[in-house]
Amino acid sequence: MNIGEIARRAGVSRSTVSYALTGKRPVSEETKRRIQAVIDELGYRPNAAARALKEGRTRTIGLVIPPASQRLTDMQLGFVASVVDATARADLDVLLSPSGGEHDRSFERVVTGRRVDGVILMEIRLEDDRVTRLLQSGLPFVGIGRTRQPEDMSWVDIDYETLIAKCVHHLADLGHRHLALVNRNAELVAAGYGPGHRAQAGFDRAIAERGLHGVRVCCADDAQAGQTCLQQLLAEYPELTAIATINEAAVAGMYRALTEAGLTVPRDFSIAGVAAQHWAENLHPPLTAADVPADEMGARAVELLIQRIADPATPHRHLLVAPPISLRSTTGPARPRT
């Protein structure tokens, strides 16, 4: 229950409810009684941190997203939706702003223009100029993702290193000896994209621990690129029987390449990865994957940001998520291809 619902039932504006709660401006006794009656009926208890934020300058938070020229993955869209939903539940607004390249001016306006009370930053790199700029500005912010020095900021993140290592161990337990990691696009990984580098580290570690043969490739974030990528892998590494991936947008294309090659998943070839749950469940066949809890993580990021806006001296807090692998229909016992 939020202030908007109270205002609707009491027949007043949201600002009038806010003034009645905070005492910032006079409200007639009759109106106060009507608002209080609705509050008592609904059992509404305003969150102290959220109330402090609503009393600030803008009642708006910024969500810094990848450039519009880059199609957002299903997981990224999940984060955006969860942040918007959690912000609305706190009776706040969201300003979406792209960053990177020609969009840097938009990001700078968010930082310096007093348009928001704080920022949630997505797609963080190990060395990220945006994080440095926000630290310099003093504007409260939270990352969905973390830098190489994660203690300098508050963040929520997926433990890609652990999860990709778990995928490799799962495939090794099924007898697979020749595996590939299909990462995100090469430009992103070269720029220091945190999940890409941590996935590589987890892959390399698990391959070494199990004495397997592994190859790492980058792939653009779309189905056509996934199809081309897997065609090349099958041609160059005919002994390959399994893939681990964090590139959910490319998976449908990988399926097509396997079908064209006369290979059936999971009888002839296995795939496991990290992906948004509903995306993984709706693929055909459904993808064995660690399901990213985007709803929970977006809501947690909003909660951390509200806390930091209400009290900038609050110690930095961190949430590293490593969900279990959901076994579906894309992994099975290894069958030699050559």
Protein backbone atom coordinates (compact mmCIF):
# COMPACT_ATOMS: atom_id res chain seq x y z
CA MET A 1 0.00 0.00 0.00
CA ASN A 2 1.38 3.44 -0.93
CA ILE A 3 0.50 7.11 -0.70
CA GLY A 4 -1.14 7.06 -4.14
CA GLU A 5 -3.73 4.52 -2.97
CA ILE A 6 -4.38 6.47 0.24
CA ALA A 7 -4.90 9.65 -1.78
CA ARG A 8 -7.32 7.91 -4.14
CA ARG A 9 -9.45 6.52 -1.32
CA ALA A 10 -9.42 9.78 0.63
CA GLY A 11 -10.29 11.83 -2.45
CA VAL A 12 -7.22 14.09 -2.19
CA SER A 13 -3.92 14.55 -4.00
CA ARG A 14 -0.76 12.60 -3.19
CA SER A 15 0.93 15.82 -2.08
CA THR A 16 -1.89 16.48 0.41
CA VAL A 17 -1.36 13.03 1.95
CA SER A 18 2.37 13.72 2.13
CA TYR A 19 1.79 17.08 3.82
CA ALA A 20 -0.60 15.50 6.30
CA LEU A 21 2.01 12.87 7.19
CA THR A 22 5.02 15.20 7.39
CA GLY A 23 3.47 18.44 8.60
CA LYS A 24 5.49 20.41 6.03
CA ARG A 25 2.40 22.40 5.00
CA PRO A 26 -0.95 23.05 6.72
CA VAL A 27 -3.80 20.64 5.99
CA SER A 28 -7.35 21.19 7.28
CA GLU A 29 -8.44 19.13 10.26
CA GLU A 30 -11.30 17.60 8.29
CA THR A 31 -8.93 16.47 5.53
CA LYS A 32 -6.46 15.12 8.10
CA ARG A 33 -9.23 13.09 9.74
CA ARG A 34 -10.31 11.67 6.37
CA ILE A 35 -6.73 10.71 5.50
CA GLN A 36 -6.15 9.21 8.93
CA ALA A 37 -9.32 7.13 8.64
CA VAL A 38 -8.05 5.62 5.38
CA ILE A 39 -4.63 5.00 6.92
CA ASP A 40 -6.20 3.26 9.91
CA GLU A 41 -8.42 1.18 7.64
CA LEU A 42 -5.51 0.07 5.45
CA GLY A 43 -2.99 -0.34 8.25
CA TYR A 44 -0.50 1.85 6.37
CA ARG A 45 2.89 2.40 8.00
CA PRO A 46 5.25 4.65 5.99
CA ASN A 47 8.82 3.37 5.79
CA ALA A 48 11.08 5.89 7.54
CA ALA A 49 13.79 5.83 4.89
CA ALA A 50 11.28 6.10 2.05
CA ARG A 51 9.57 8.99 3.84
CA ALA A 52 12.92 10.77 4.18
CA LEU A 53 13.49 10.38 0.47
CA LYS A 54 10.02 11.70 -0.42
CA GLU A 55 10.81 14.82 1.60
CA GLY A 56 13.91 15.45 -0.57
CA ARG A 57 14.33 17.52 -3.68
CA THR A 58 13.00 15.35 -6.49
CA ARG A 59 11.42 12.10 -5.25
CA THR A 60 13.13 10.61 -8.32
CA ILE A 61 15.96 8.13 -8.72
CA GLY A 62 18.05 7.68 -11.86
CA LEU A 63 18.50 4.28 -13.51
CA VAL A 64 21.54 4.29 -15.79
CA ILE A 65 21.12 1.65 -18.49
CA PRO A 66 23.18 0.48 -21.50
CA PRO A 67 22.87 2.60 -24.68
CA ALA A 68 19.64 2.22 -26.63
CA SER A 69 21.70 1.16 -29.66
CA GLN A 70 22.48 -2.06 -27.79
CA ARG A 71 19.42 -4.26 -27.53
CA LEU A 72 18.79 -5.06 -23.88
CA THR A 73 18.89 -8.73 -22.97
CA ASP A 74 15.99 -10.36 -21.21
CA MET A 75 17.95 -10.30 -17.97
CA GLN A 76 18.69 -6.58 -18.33
CA LEU A 77 15.03 -5.87 -19.03
CA GLY A 78 14.20 -7.85 -15.90
CA PHE A 79 16.45 -5.61 -13.83
CA VAL A 80 14.91 -2.48 -15.34
CA ALA A 81 11.37 -3.71 -14.67
CA SER A 82 12.17 -4.74 -11.09
CA VAL A 83 13.76 -1.36 -10.29
CA VAL A 84 10.77 0.49 -11.75
CA ASP A 85 8.31 -1.69 -9.81
CA ALA A 86 10.19 -1.38 -6.51
CA THR A 87 10.50 2.38 -6.96
CA ALA A 88 6.78 2.71 -7.63
CA ARG A 89 6.02 0.72 -4.47
CA ALA A 90 8.08 3.30 -2.56
CA ASP A 91 5.98 6.04 -4.20
CA LEU A 92 8.97 7.38 -6.14
CA ASP A 93 9.67 8.05 -9.81
CA VAL A 94 12.42 6.75 -12.12
CA LEU A 95 14.45 8.64 -14.69
CA LEU A 96 16.01 6.29 -17.27
CA SER A 97 19.32 7.44 -18.70
CA PRO A 98 21.62 5.64 -21.15
CA SER A 99 25.39 5.90 -20.74
CA GLY A 100 28.43 5.18 -22.88
CA GLY A 101 29.76 6.85 -26.02
CA GLU A 102 27.51 9.63 -27.28
CA HIS A 103 25.28 9.17 -24.24
CA ASP A 104 27.93 10.34 -21.75
CA ARG A 105 26.40 13.82 -21.76
CA SER A 106 23.09 12.33 -20.63
CA PHE A 107 24.83 10.59 -17.74
CA GLU A 108 26.62 13.81 -16.79
CA ARG A 109 23.30 15.68 -16.71
CA VAL A 110 21.95 13.07 -14.32
CA VAL A 111 24.98 13.50 -12.06
CA THR A 112 25.12 17.32 -12.07
CA GLY A 113 21.61 18.46 -12.98
CA ARG A 114 19.91 17.86 -9.63
CA ARG A 115 17.26 15.86 -11.43
CA VAL A 116 17.52 12.83 -9.14
CA ASP A 117 18.24 12.09 -5.49
CA GLY A 118 20.34 9.03 -6.28
CA VAL A 119 21.34 6.60 -9.03
CA ILE A 120 21.24 2.87 -9.73
CA LEU A 121 23.98 1.93 -12.18
CA MET A 122 23.79 -1.14 -14.44
CA GLU A 123 26.37 -3.09 -16.49
CA ILE A 124 29.40 -2.17 -14.41
CA ARG A 125 32.96 -2.67 -15.60
CA LEU A 126 35.95 -3.68 -13.48
CA GLU A 127 37.35 -0.17 -13.98
CA ASP A 128 34.33 2.06 -14.51
CA ASP A 129 34.62 5.81 -15.10
CA ARG A 130 30.95 6.25 -14.18
CA VAL A 131 31.58 4.85 -10.71
CA THR A 132 34.57 7.18 -10.30
CA ARG A 133 32.45 10.15 -11.39
CA LEU A 134 29.64 9.29 -8.97
CA LEU A 135 32.10 8.87 -6.09
CA GLN A 136 33.55 12.29 -6.89
CA SER A 137 30.11 13.91 -7.09
CA GLY A 138 28.86 12.65 -3.75
CA LEU A 139 25.52 11.65 -5.32
CA PRO A 140 24.23 8.49 -3.59
CA PHE A 141 24.33 5.45 -5.87
CA VAL A 142 24.09 1.66 -5.91
CA GLY A 143 25.42 -0.72 -8.54
CA ILE A 144 23.80 -3.73 -10.13
CA GLY A 145 27.26 -5.18 -10.57
CA ARG A 146 30.58 -4.25 -8.99
CA THR A 147 34.03 -2.94 -9.88
CA ARG A 148 37.42 -4.47 -9.17
CA GLN A 149 37.42 -2.64 -5.80
CA PRO A 150 33.87 -3.44 -4.69
CA GLU A 151 34.32 -2.15 -1.14
CA ASP A 152 34.11 1.46 -2.41
CA MET A 153 30.38 1.28 -3.20
CA SER A 154 27.10 -0.43 -2.38
CA TRP A 155 26.04 -3.10 -4.86
CA VAL A 156 24.04 -6.21 -5.69
CA ASP A 157 25.58 -8.69 -8.11
CA ILE A 158 25.47 -12.19 -9.53
CA ASP A 159 28.38 -14.48 -8.65
CA TYR A 160 29.21 -15.32 -12.25
CA GLU A 161 32.55 -16.88 -11.33
CA THR A 162 30.96 -19.40 -9.00
CA LEU A 163 27.97 -20.08 -11.25
CA ILE A 164 29.93 -20.76 -14.43
CA ALA A 165 32.28 -22.99 -12.42
CA LYS A 166 29.19 -24.89 -11.20
CA CYS A 167 28.02 -25.28 -14.80
CA VAL A 168 31.39 -26.75 -15.77
CA HIS A 169 31.37 -29.15 -12.81
CA HIS A 170 27.82 -30.24 -13.67
CA LEU A 171 28.84 -30.95 -17.26
CA ALA A 172 31.99 -32.74 -16.12
CA ASP A 173 29.90 -34.93 -13.81
CA LEU A 174 27.95 -35.97 -16.91
CA GLY A 175 31.16 -37.09 -18.60
CA HIS A 176 31.85 -34.08 -20.82
CA ARG A 177 35.58 -33.54 -21.39
CA HIS A 178 35.62 -30.89 -24.15
CA LEU A 179 33.75 -27.69 -23.27
CA ALA A 180 33.46 -24.11 -24.52
CA LEU A 181 32.53 -20.90 -22.73
CA VAL A 182 30.37 -18.62 -24.89
CA ASN A 183 30.80 -15.16 -23.36
CA ARG A 184 29.16 -11.81 -24.11
CA ASN A 185 30.28 -9.69 -27.07
CA ALA A 186 34.00 -9.06 -27.60
CA GLU A 187 33.76 -5.27 -27.33
CA LEU A 188 32.08 -5.49 -23.94
CA VAL A 189 34.54 -8.03 -22.55
CA ALA A 190 37.52 -6.05 -23.89
CA ALA A 191 36.17 -2.96 -22.11
CA GLY A 192 36.40 -4.79 -18.78
CA TYR A 193 32.79 -5.94 -18.38
CA GLY A 194 32.74 -7.51 -14.92
CA PRO A 195 30.46 -10.52 -15.53
CA GLY A 196 32.42 -11.50 -18.65
CA HIS A 197 35.76 -11.50 -16.85
CA ARG A 198 34.43 -13.26 -13.78
CA ALA A 199 32.77 -15.92 -15.96
CA GLN A 200 36.11 -16.51 -17.69
CA ALA A 201 37.83 -16.88 -14.31
CA GLY A 202 35.26 -19.40 -13.10
CA PHE A 203 35.46 -21.36 -16.36
CA ASP A 204 39.26 -21.51 -16.33
CA ARG A 205 39.35 -22.56 -12.68
CA ALA A 206 36.81 -25.37 -13.08
CA ILE A 207 38.42 -26.62 -16.30
CA ALA A 208 41.76 -26.85 -14.50
CA GLU A 209 40.26 -28.50 -11.41
CA ARG A 210 38.59 -31.22 -13.49
CA GLY A 211 41.42 -31.71 -15.99
CA LEU A 212 39.18 -30.83 -18.95
CA HIS A 213 39.81 -29.29 -22.36
CA GLY A 214 38.26 -25.82 -22.59
CA VAL A 215 38.01 -23.02 -25.12
CA ARG A 216 36.67 -19.50 -24.58
CA VAL A 217 34.91 -17.39 -27.23
CA CYS A 218 33.00 -14.11 -27.30
CA CYS A 219 29.71 -13.78 -29.12
CA ALA A 220 27.49 -10.84 -30.01
CA ASP A 221 24.25 -10.64 -28.05
CA ASP A 222 21.72 -11.96 -30.55
CA ALA A 223 20.46 -15.24 -31.98
CA GLN A 224 22.13 -14.89 -35.39
CA ALA A 225 25.50 -14.35 -33.75
CA GLY A 226 24.88 -17.37 -31.52
CA GLN A 227 24.18 -19.50 -34.57
CA THR A 228 27.35 -18.36 -36.35
CA CYS A 229 29.42 -18.73 -33.19
CA LEU A 230 28.39 -22.33 -32.63
CA GLN A 231 28.84 -23.22 -36.30
CA GLN A 232 32.44 -22.03 -36.03
CA LEU A 233 33.01 -23.88 -32.78
CA LEU A 234 31.71 -27.15 -34.20
CA ALA A 235 33.92 -26.74 -37.26
CA GLU A 236 37.08 -25.86 -35.33
CA TYR A 237 36.57 -28.20 -32.37
CA PRO A 238 34.78 -31.34 -33.62
CA GLU A 239 35.35 -33.04 -30.26
CA LEU A 240 33.27 -30.40 -28.44
CA THR A 241 30.22 -31.81 -26.60
CA ALA A 242 29.07 -29.05 -24.24
CA ILE A 243 28.84 -25.29 -23.70
CA ALA A 244 28.60 -23.04 -20.66
CA THR A 245 27.33 -19.53 -21.35
CA ILE A 246 26.28 -16.21 -19.86
CA ASN A 247 25.02 -14.98 -23.25
CA GLU A 248 21.31 -15.77 -22.99
CA ALA A 249 20.45 -13.71 -26.07
CA ALA A 250 22.57 -16.01 -28.25
CA VAL A 251 21.19 -19.34 -26.98
CA ALA A 252 18.31 -19.65 -29.46
CA GLY A 253 20.80 -19.30 -32.31
CA MET A 254 23.01 -21.98 -30.76
CA TYR A 255 20.02 -24.32 -30.82
CA ARG A 256 19.54 -23.62 -34.53
CA ALA A 257 23.18 -24.35 -35.30
CA LEU A 258 23.01 -27.66 -33.47
CA THR A 259 19.83 -28.66 -35.31
CA GLU A 260 21.45 -27.80 -38.66
CA ALA A 261 24.43 -29.96 -37.69
CA GLY A 262 22.11 -32.88 -36.98
CA LEU A 263 22.79 -32.76 -33.25
CA THR A 264 20.02 -33.14 -30.67
CA VAL A 265 20.04 -31.43 -27.28
CA PRO A 266 20.74 -33.02 -24.84
CA ARG A 267 21.32 -36.42 -26.47
CA ASP A 268 24.29 -35.28 -28.59
CA PHE A 269 25.22 -31.91 -27.08
CA SER A 270 24.68 -30.15 -23.74
CA ILE A 271 24.28 -26.47 -22.82
CA ALA A 272 24.18 -24.89 -19.35
CA GLY A 273 24.37 -21.27 -18.33
CA VAL A 274 23.26 -18.26 -16.33
CA ALA A 275 19.98 -16.69 -17.46
CA ALA A 276 16.70 -15.07 -16.48
CA GLN A 277 14.35 -17.78 -15.20
CA HIS A 278 11.36 -17.19 -17.48
CA TRP A 279 13.69 -16.92 -20.49
CA ALA A 280 15.33 -20.25 -19.65
CA GLU A 281 11.97 -21.93 -19.02
CA ASN A 282 10.46 -20.72 -22.30
CA LEU A 283 13.26 -21.88 -24.57
CA HIS A 284 12.72 -25.11 -26.48
CA PRO A 285 14.12 -27.20 -24.97
CA PRO A 286 14.14 -25.36 -21.59
CA LEU A 287 17.68 -24.35 -20.64
CA THR A 288 19.51 -25.85 -17.67
CA ALA A 289 20.66 -22.69 -15.91
CA ALA A 290 21.30 -20.77 -12.74
CA ASP A 291 18.17 -18.61 -12.63
CA VAL A 292 18.95 -14.95 -11.93
CA PRO A 293 16.46 -13.49 -9.40
CA ALA A 294 16.16 -10.11 -11.15
CA ASP A 295 13.02 -9.11 -9.19
CA GLU A 296 14.72 -9.65 -5.85
CA MET A 297 17.95 -7.97 -6.92
CA GLY A 298 16.29 -4.88 -8.40
CA ALA A 299 14.15 -4.43 -5.29
CA ARG A 300 17.21 -4.83 -3.09
CA ALA A 301 19.12 -2.23 -5.10
CA VAL A 302 16.26 0.26 -4.63
CA GLU A 303 16.16 -0.49 -0.90
CA LEU A 304 19.91 0.10 -0.55
CA LEU A 305 19.69 3.35 -2.51
CA ILE A 306 16.81 4.69 -0.41
CA GLN A 307 18.86 3.93 2.70
CA ARG A 308 21.88 5.77 1.33
CA ILE A 309 19.82 8.80 0.31
CA ALA A 310 18.20 8.94 3.74
CA ASP A 311 21.58 8.56 5.48
CA PRO A 312 24.68 9.01 3.26
CA ALA A 313 26.87 7.91 6.19
CA THR A 314 25.33 4.43 6.09
CA PRO A 315 28.11 1.82 5.62
CA HIS A 316 28.25 0.28 2.16
CA ARG A 317 26.28 -2.94 1.85
CA HIS A 318 26.74 -5.78 -0.62
CA LEU A 319 24.62 -8.67 -1.91
CA LEU A 320 26.31 -11.40 -3.96
CA VAL A 321 23.77 -13.87 -5.38
CA ALA A 322 24.59 -17.45 -6.44
CA PRO A 323 21.32 -19.28 -7.16
CA PRO A 324 21.36 -23.06 -7.65
CA ILE A 325 21.39 -24.53 -11.14
CA SER A 326 17.90 -25.57 -12.24
CA LEU A 327 18.19 -28.84 -14.13
CA ARG A 328 15.91 -28.72 -17.16
CA SER A 329 16.28 -30.27 -20.61
CA THR A 330 19.61 -29.23 -22.11
CA THR A 331 22.19 -31.30 -20.25
CA GLY A 332 22.75 -35.03 -20.46
CA PRO A 333 25.47 -37.68 -20.50
CA ALA A 334 28.31 -37.03 -22.93
CA ARG A 335 28.37 -38.91 -26.24
CA PRO A 336 31.63 -38.71 -28.19
CA ARG A 337 31.23 -36.88 -31.52
CA THR A 338 34.40 -38.23 -33.14
